[in-house]
Amino acid sequence: MILTNSLAQFGRYCMFVARTFSLPDRFGVSARRTIQEVQKLGIDSIPLVIIISLFIGAVCTIQMQLNVTSPLMPAYSVGLATRDIVLLEFSNSILCLILAGKVGSNIASEIGTMRVTEQIDALEIMGVNSANYLVLPKIVAFVLFMPVLVVLCMCMAFVVDI
């Protein structure tokens, strides 16, 4: 019973993924939706990225200064160590965790509202591949814009270290 339910659920998931990553019916509409999603998911996240990266850089600098107090270490070693830690580990990891929550809740609430108001059913009735129309532009937009946000976060965190 449990195994058959699990297999059925996995099969529905595989069918959803296949519908999502199929070729769009109209590339112009898909490109416009992708640009809208870049605006909504990526560009609207820039203020949050700036705030997060400033705090990441400041907290790492303060913690490094407090914990690395040795007369044998030169004064610039705090800045070097902080730069390396922030650029290699903290800025992109913490940013991705926070943006996953923000963007994930945004997408979940949007699609949940569309399900409740029966907009997804209306798309299916009109013959539109709803998974491809709704989900694929979000995935493409976020995959394309996420490196921009990570580089911005690294730059802002690095500015604080200087």
C-alpha atoms as a PDB file:
ATOM      1  CA  MET A   1       0.000   0.000   0.000  1.00  0.00           C
ATOM      2  CA  ILE A   2       2.691   2.480   1.032  1.00  0.00           C
ATOM      3  CA  LEU A   3       4.994   1.376  -1.777  1.00  0.00           C
ATOM      4  CA  THR A   4       2.317   1.757  -4.444  1.00  0.00           C
ATOM      5  CA  ASN A   5       1.385   5.224  -3.149  1.00  0.00           C
ATOM      6  CA  SER A   6       5.035   6.244  -3.177  1.00  0.00           C
ATOM      7  CA  LEU A   7       5.521   4.955  -6.706  1.00  0.00           C
ATOM      8  CA  ALA A   8       2.346   6.694  -7.875  1.00  0.00           C
ATOM      9  CA  GLN A   9       3.497   9.969  -6.333  1.00  0.00           C
ATOM     10  CA  PHE A  10       6.940   9.590  -7.921  1.00  0.00           C
ATOM     11  CA  GLY A  11       5.291   8.912 -11.289  1.00  0.00           C
ATOM     12  CA  ARG A  12       3.167  12.075 -10.996  1.00  0.00           C
ATOM     13  CA  TYR A  13       6.324  14.016 -10.139  1.00  0.00           C
ATOM     14  CA  CYS A  14       8.172  12.635 -13.175  1.00  0.00           C
ATOM     15  CA  MET A  15       5.241  13.547 -15.424  1.00  0.00           C
ATOM     16  CA  PHE A  16       5.210  17.070 -13.953  1.00  0.00           C
ATOM     17  CA  VAL A  17       8.943  17.477 -14.602  1.00  0.00           C
ATOM     18  CA  ALA A  18       8.513  16.229 -18.169  1.00  0.00           C
ATOM     19  CA  ARG A  19       5.662  18.721 -18.751  1.00  0.00           C
ATOM     20  CA  THR A  20       7.679  21.537 -17.178  1.00  0.00           C
ATOM     21  CA  PHE A  21      10.814  21.069 -19.266  1.00  0.00           C
ATOM     22  CA  SER A  22       9.083  20.405 -22.585  1.00  0.00           C
ATOM     23  CA  LEU A  23       9.479  22.932 -25.390  1.00  0.00           C
ATOM     24  CA  PRO A  24       7.230  25.977 -24.912  1.00  0.00           C
ATOM     25  CA  ASP A  25       4.353  26.390 -27.345  1.00  0.00           C
ATOM     26  CA  ARG A  26       5.165  30.057 -27.924  1.00  0.00           C
ATOM     27  CA  PHE A  27       8.740  31.174 -27.362  1.00  0.00           C
ATOM     28  CA  GLY A  28       7.805  34.886 -27.359  1.00  0.00           C
ATOM     29  CA  VAL A  29       5.365  34.424 -24.500  1.00  0.00           C
ATOM     30  CA  SER A  30       7.872  32.288 -22.629  1.00  0.00           C
ATOM     31  CA  ALA A  31      10.605  34.913 -23.084  1.00  0.00           C
ATOM     32  CA  ARG A  32       8.304  37.694 -21.821  1.00  0.00           C
ATOM     33  CA  ARG A  33       7.331  35.629 -18.793  1.00  0.00           C
ATOM     34  CA  THR A  34      11.001  34.875 -18.100  1.00  0.00           C
ATOM     35  CA  ILE A  35      11.843  38.593 -18.165  1.00  0.00           C
ATOM     36  CA  GLN A  36       8.923  39.291 -15.810  1.00  0.00           C
ATOM     37  CA  GLU A  37      10.202  36.607 -13.450  1.00  0.00           C
ATOM     38  CA  VAL A  38      13.734  38.049 -13.562  1.00  0.00           C
ATOM     39  CA  GLN A  39      12.211  41.341 -12.454  1.00  0.00           C
ATOM     40  CA  LYS A  40      10.085  39.779  -9.733  1.00  0.00           C
ATOM     41  CA  LEU A  41      12.480  37.151  -8.369  1.00  0.00           C
ATOM     42  CA  GLY A  42      15.858  38.691  -9.113  1.00  0.00           C
ATOM     43  CA  ILE A  43      15.821  42.463  -9.363  1.00  0.00           C
ATOM     44  CA  ASP A  44      13.322  42.850  -6.530  1.00  0.00           C
ATOM     45  CA  SER A  45      15.722  40.823  -4.343  1.00  0.00           C
ATOM     46  CA  ILE A  46      18.611  43.278  -4.755  1.00  0.00           C
ATOM     47  CA  PRO A  47      17.765  45.396  -1.656  1.00  0.00           C
ATOM     48  CA  LEU A  48      17.633  42.246   0.463  1.00  0.00           C
ATOM     49  CA  VAL A  49      20.953  41.080  -1.010  1.00  0.00           C
ATOM     50  CA  ILE A  50      22.593  44.410  -0.191  1.00  0.00           C
ATOM     51  CA  ILE A  51      21.378  44.363   3.420  1.00  0.00           C
ATOM     52  CA  ILE A  52      22.371  40.718   3.929  1.00  0.00           C
ATOM     53  CA  SER A  53      25.812  41.164   2.421  1.00  0.00           C
ATOM     54  CA  LEU A  54      26.570  44.275   4.452  1.00  0.00           C
ATOM     55  CA  PHE A  55      25.695  42.465   7.658  1.00  0.00           C
ATOM     56  CA  ILE A  56      27.620  39.327   6.645  1.00  0.00           C
ATOM     57  CA  GLY A  57      30.751  41.371   5.999  1.00  0.00           C
ATOM     58  CA  ALA A  58      30.390  43.432   9.173  1.00  0.00           C
ATOM     59  CA  VAL A  59      29.740  40.456  11.435  1.00  0.00           C
ATOM     60  CA  CYS A  60      32.623  38.442   9.971  1.00  0.00           C
ATOM     61  CA  THR A  61      34.985  41.384  10.379  1.00  0.00           C
ATOM     62  CA  ILE A  62      33.967  41.992  13.981  1.00  0.00           C
ATOM     63  CA  GLN A  63      34.189  38.328  14.906  1.00  0.00           C
ATOM     64  CA  MET A  64      37.549  37.920  13.218  1.00  0.00           C
ATOM     65  CA  GLN A  65      38.945  40.999  14.967  1.00  0.00           C
ATOM     66  CA  LEU A  66      37.721  39.814  18.372  1.00  0.00           C
ATOM     67  CA  ASN A  67      38.958  36.246  17.982  1.00  0.00           C
ATOM     68  CA  VAL A  68      42.304  36.847  16.277  1.00  0.00           C
ATOM     69  CA  THR A  69      44.205  38.964  18.741  1.00  0.00           C
ATOM     70  CA  SER A  70      47.776  37.786  18.812  1.00  0.00           C
ATOM     71  CA  PRO A  71      50.922  39.892  18.879  1.00  0.00           C
ATOM     72  CA  LEU A  72      52.559  37.396  16.513  1.00  0.00           C
ATOM     73  CA  MET A  73      50.027  38.026  13.733  1.00  0.00           C
ATOM     74  CA  PRO A  74      50.252  41.181  11.639  1.00  0.00           C
ATOM     75  CA  ALA A  75      47.308  43.601  11.714  1.00  0.00           C
ATOM     76  CA  TYR A  76      46.385  43.029   8.079  1.00  0.00           C
ATOM     77  CA  SER A  77      45.825  39.304   8.637  1.00  0.00           C
ATOM     78  CA  VAL A  78      42.338  40.019  10.018  1.00  0.00           C
ATOM     79  CA  GLY A  79      41.351  41.679   6.756  1.00  0.00           C
ATOM     80  CA  LEU A  80      42.872  38.943   4.612  1.00  0.00           C
ATOM     81  CA  ALA A  81      41.242  36.137   6.562  1.00  0.00           C
ATOM     82  CA  THR A  82      37.893  37.906   6.600  1.00  0.00           C
ATOM     83  CA  ARG A  83      38.068  38.557   2.867  1.00  0.00           C
ATOM     84  CA  ASP A  84      38.801  34.933   2.112  1.00  0.00           C
ATOM     85  CA  ILE A  85      36.074  33.629   4.403  1.00  0.00           C
ATOM     86  CA  VAL A  86      33.448  36.033   3.130  1.00  0.00           C
ATOM     87  CA  LEU A  87      34.256  35.637  -0.555  1.00  0.00           C
ATOM     88  CA  LEU A  88      34.671  31.880  -0.557  1.00  0.00           C
ATOM     89  CA  GLU A  89      32.107  30.678   1.970  1.00  0.00           C
ATOM     90  CA  PHE A  90      29.747  32.947   3.817  1.00  0.00           C
ATOM     91  CA  SER A  91      28.426  35.413   1.279  1.00  0.00           C
ATOM     92  CA  ASN A  92      27.171  32.968  -1.314  1.00  0.00           C
ATOM     93  CA  SER A  93      26.078  30.254   1.132  1.00  0.00           C
ATOM     94  CA  ILE A  94      24.042  32.475   3.415  1.00  0.00           C
ATOM     95  CA  LEU A  95      22.662  34.460   0.497  1.00  0.00           C
ATOM     96  CA  CYS A  96      21.471  31.303  -1.244  1.00  0.00           C
ATOM     97  CA  LEU A  97      19.821  30.033   1.937  1.00  0.00           C
ATOM     98  CA  ILE A  98      17.953  33.278   2.521  1.00  0.00           C
ATOM     99  CA  LEU A  99      16.961  33.720  -1.123  1.00  0.00           C
ATOM    100  CA  ALA A 100      15.737  30.125  -1.276  1.00  0.00           C
ATOM    101  CA  GLY A 101      13.317  30.934   1.530  1.00  0.00           C
ATOM    102  CA  LYS A 102      12.237  34.275   0.066  1.00  0.00           C
ATOM    103  CA  VAL A 103      11.870  33.130  -3.523  1.00  0.00           C
ATOM    104  CA  GLY A 104      10.418  29.758  -2.555  1.00  0.00           C
ATOM    105  CA  SER A 105       7.706  31.291  -0.406  1.00  0.00           C
ATOM    106  CA  ASN A 106       6.973  33.841  -3.129  1.00  0.00           C
ATOM    107  CA  ILE A 107       6.534  31.138  -5.765  1.00  0.00           C
ATOM    108  CA  ALA A 108       4.536  28.880  -3.440  1.00  0.00           C
ATOM    109  CA  SER A 109       2.132  31.651  -2.502  1.00  0.00           C
ATOM    110  CA  GLU A 110       1.670  32.724  -6.123  1.00  0.00           C
ATOM    111  CA  ILE A 111       0.981  29.222  -7.421  1.00  0.00           C
ATOM    112  CA  GLY A 112      -1.147  28.377  -4.375  1.00  0.00           C
ATOM    113  CA  THR A 113      -3.292  31.445  -4.958  1.00  0.00           C
ATOM    114  CA  MET A 114      -3.622  30.517  -8.625  1.00  0.00           C
ATOM    115  CA  ARG A 115      -4.727  26.997  -7.642  1.00  0.00           C
ATOM    116  CA  VAL A 116      -7.330  28.281  -5.170  1.00  0.00           C
ATOM    117  CA  THR A 117      -8.759  30.795  -7.642  1.00  0.00           C
ATOM    118  CA  GLU A 118      -8.807  28.080 -10.337  1.00  0.00           C
ATOM    119  CA  GLN A 119      -6.542  29.969 -12.725  1.00  0.00           C
ATOM    120  CA  ILE A 120      -4.414  26.867 -13.318  1.00  0.00           C
ATOM    121  CA  ASP A 121      -7.521  24.885 -14.257  1.00  0.00           C
ATOM    122  CA  ALA A 122      -8.492  27.670 -16.665  1.00  0.00           C
ATOM    123  CA  LEU A 123      -5.063  27.448 -18.323  1.00  0.00           C
ATOM    124  CA  GLU A 124      -5.501  23.670 -18.720  1.00  0.00           C
ATOM    125  CA  ILE A 125      -8.965  24.126 -20.225  1.00  0.00           C
ATOM    126  CA  MET A 126      -7.555  26.622 -22.755  1.00  0.00           C
ATOM    127  CA  GLY A 127      -5.012  23.985 -23.798  1.00  0.00           C
ATOM    128  CA  VAL A 128      -1.976  25.691 -22.263  1.00  0.00           C
ATOM    129  CA  ASN A 129       0.695  23.526 -20.665  1.00  0.00           C
ATOM    130  CA  SER A 130       0.344  25.106 -17.226  1.00  0.00           C
ATOM    131  CA  ALA A 131       3.519  23.564 -15.786  1.00  0.00           C
ATOM    132  CA  ASN A 132       5.584  24.867 -18.681  1.00  0.00           C
ATOM    133  CA  TYR A 133       3.859  28.267 -18.676  1.00  0.00           C
ATOM    134  CA  LEU A 134       4.114  28.878 -14.915  1.00  0.00           C
ATOM    135  CA  VAL A 135       7.150  26.973 -13.651  1.00  0.00           C
ATOM    136  CA  LEU A 136       9.736  26.990 -16.447  1.00  0.00           C
ATOM    137  CA  PRO A 137      10.112  30.816 -16.642  1.00  0.00           C
ATOM    138  CA  LYS A 138      10.645  30.959 -12.882  1.00  0.00           C
ATOM    139  CA  ILE A 139      13.365  28.307 -13.005  1.00  0.00           C
ATOM    140  CA  VAL A 140      15.123  29.848 -16.010  1.00  0.00           C
ATOM    141  CA  ALA A 141      14.940  33.375 -14.581  1.00  0.00           C
ATOM    142  CA  PHE A 142      16.327  32.410 -11.199  1.00  0.00           C
ATOM    143  CA  VAL A 143      19.089  30.213 -12.637  1.00  0.00           C
ATOM    144  CA  LEU A 144      20.149  33.062 -14.928  1.00  0.00           C
ATOM    145  CA  PHE A 145      19.979  35.835 -12.312  1.00  0.00           C
ATOM    146  CA  MET A 146      21.319  34.002  -9.247  1.00  0.00           C
ATOM    147  CA  PRO A 147      25.007  34.388 -10.264  1.00  0.00           C
ATOM    148  CA  VAL A 148      24.436  38.142 -10.589  1.00  0.00           C
ATOM    149  CA  LEU A 149      23.052  38.264  -7.050  1.00  0.00           C
ATOM    150  CA  VAL A 150      25.938  36.188  -5.683  1.00  0.00           C
ATOM    151  CA  VAL A 151      28.533  38.446  -7.312  1.00  0.00           C
ATOM    152  CA  LEU A 152      26.710  41.513  -5.967  1.00  0.00           C
ATOM    153  CA  CYS A 153      26.695  39.991  -2.486  1.00  0.00           C
ATOM    154  CA  MET A 154      30.403  39.212  -2.658  1.00  0.00           C
ATOM    155  CA  CYS A 155      31.183  42.755  -3.794  1.00  0.00           C
ATOM    156  CA  MET A 156      29.076  44.356  -1.068  1.00  0.00           C
ATOM    157  CA  ALA A 157      30.538  42.125   1.638  1.00  0.00           C
ATOM    158  CA  PHE A 158      34.030  42.904   0.350  1.00  0.00           C
ATOM    159  CA  VAL A 159      33.297  46.660   0.522  1.00  0.00           C
ATOM    160  CA  VAL A 160      32.493  46.305   4.221  1.00  0.00           C
ATOM    161  CA  ASP A 161      35.796  44.491   4.829  1.00  0.00           C
ATOM    162  CA  ILE A 162      37.775  47.357   3.343  1.00  0.00           C
END
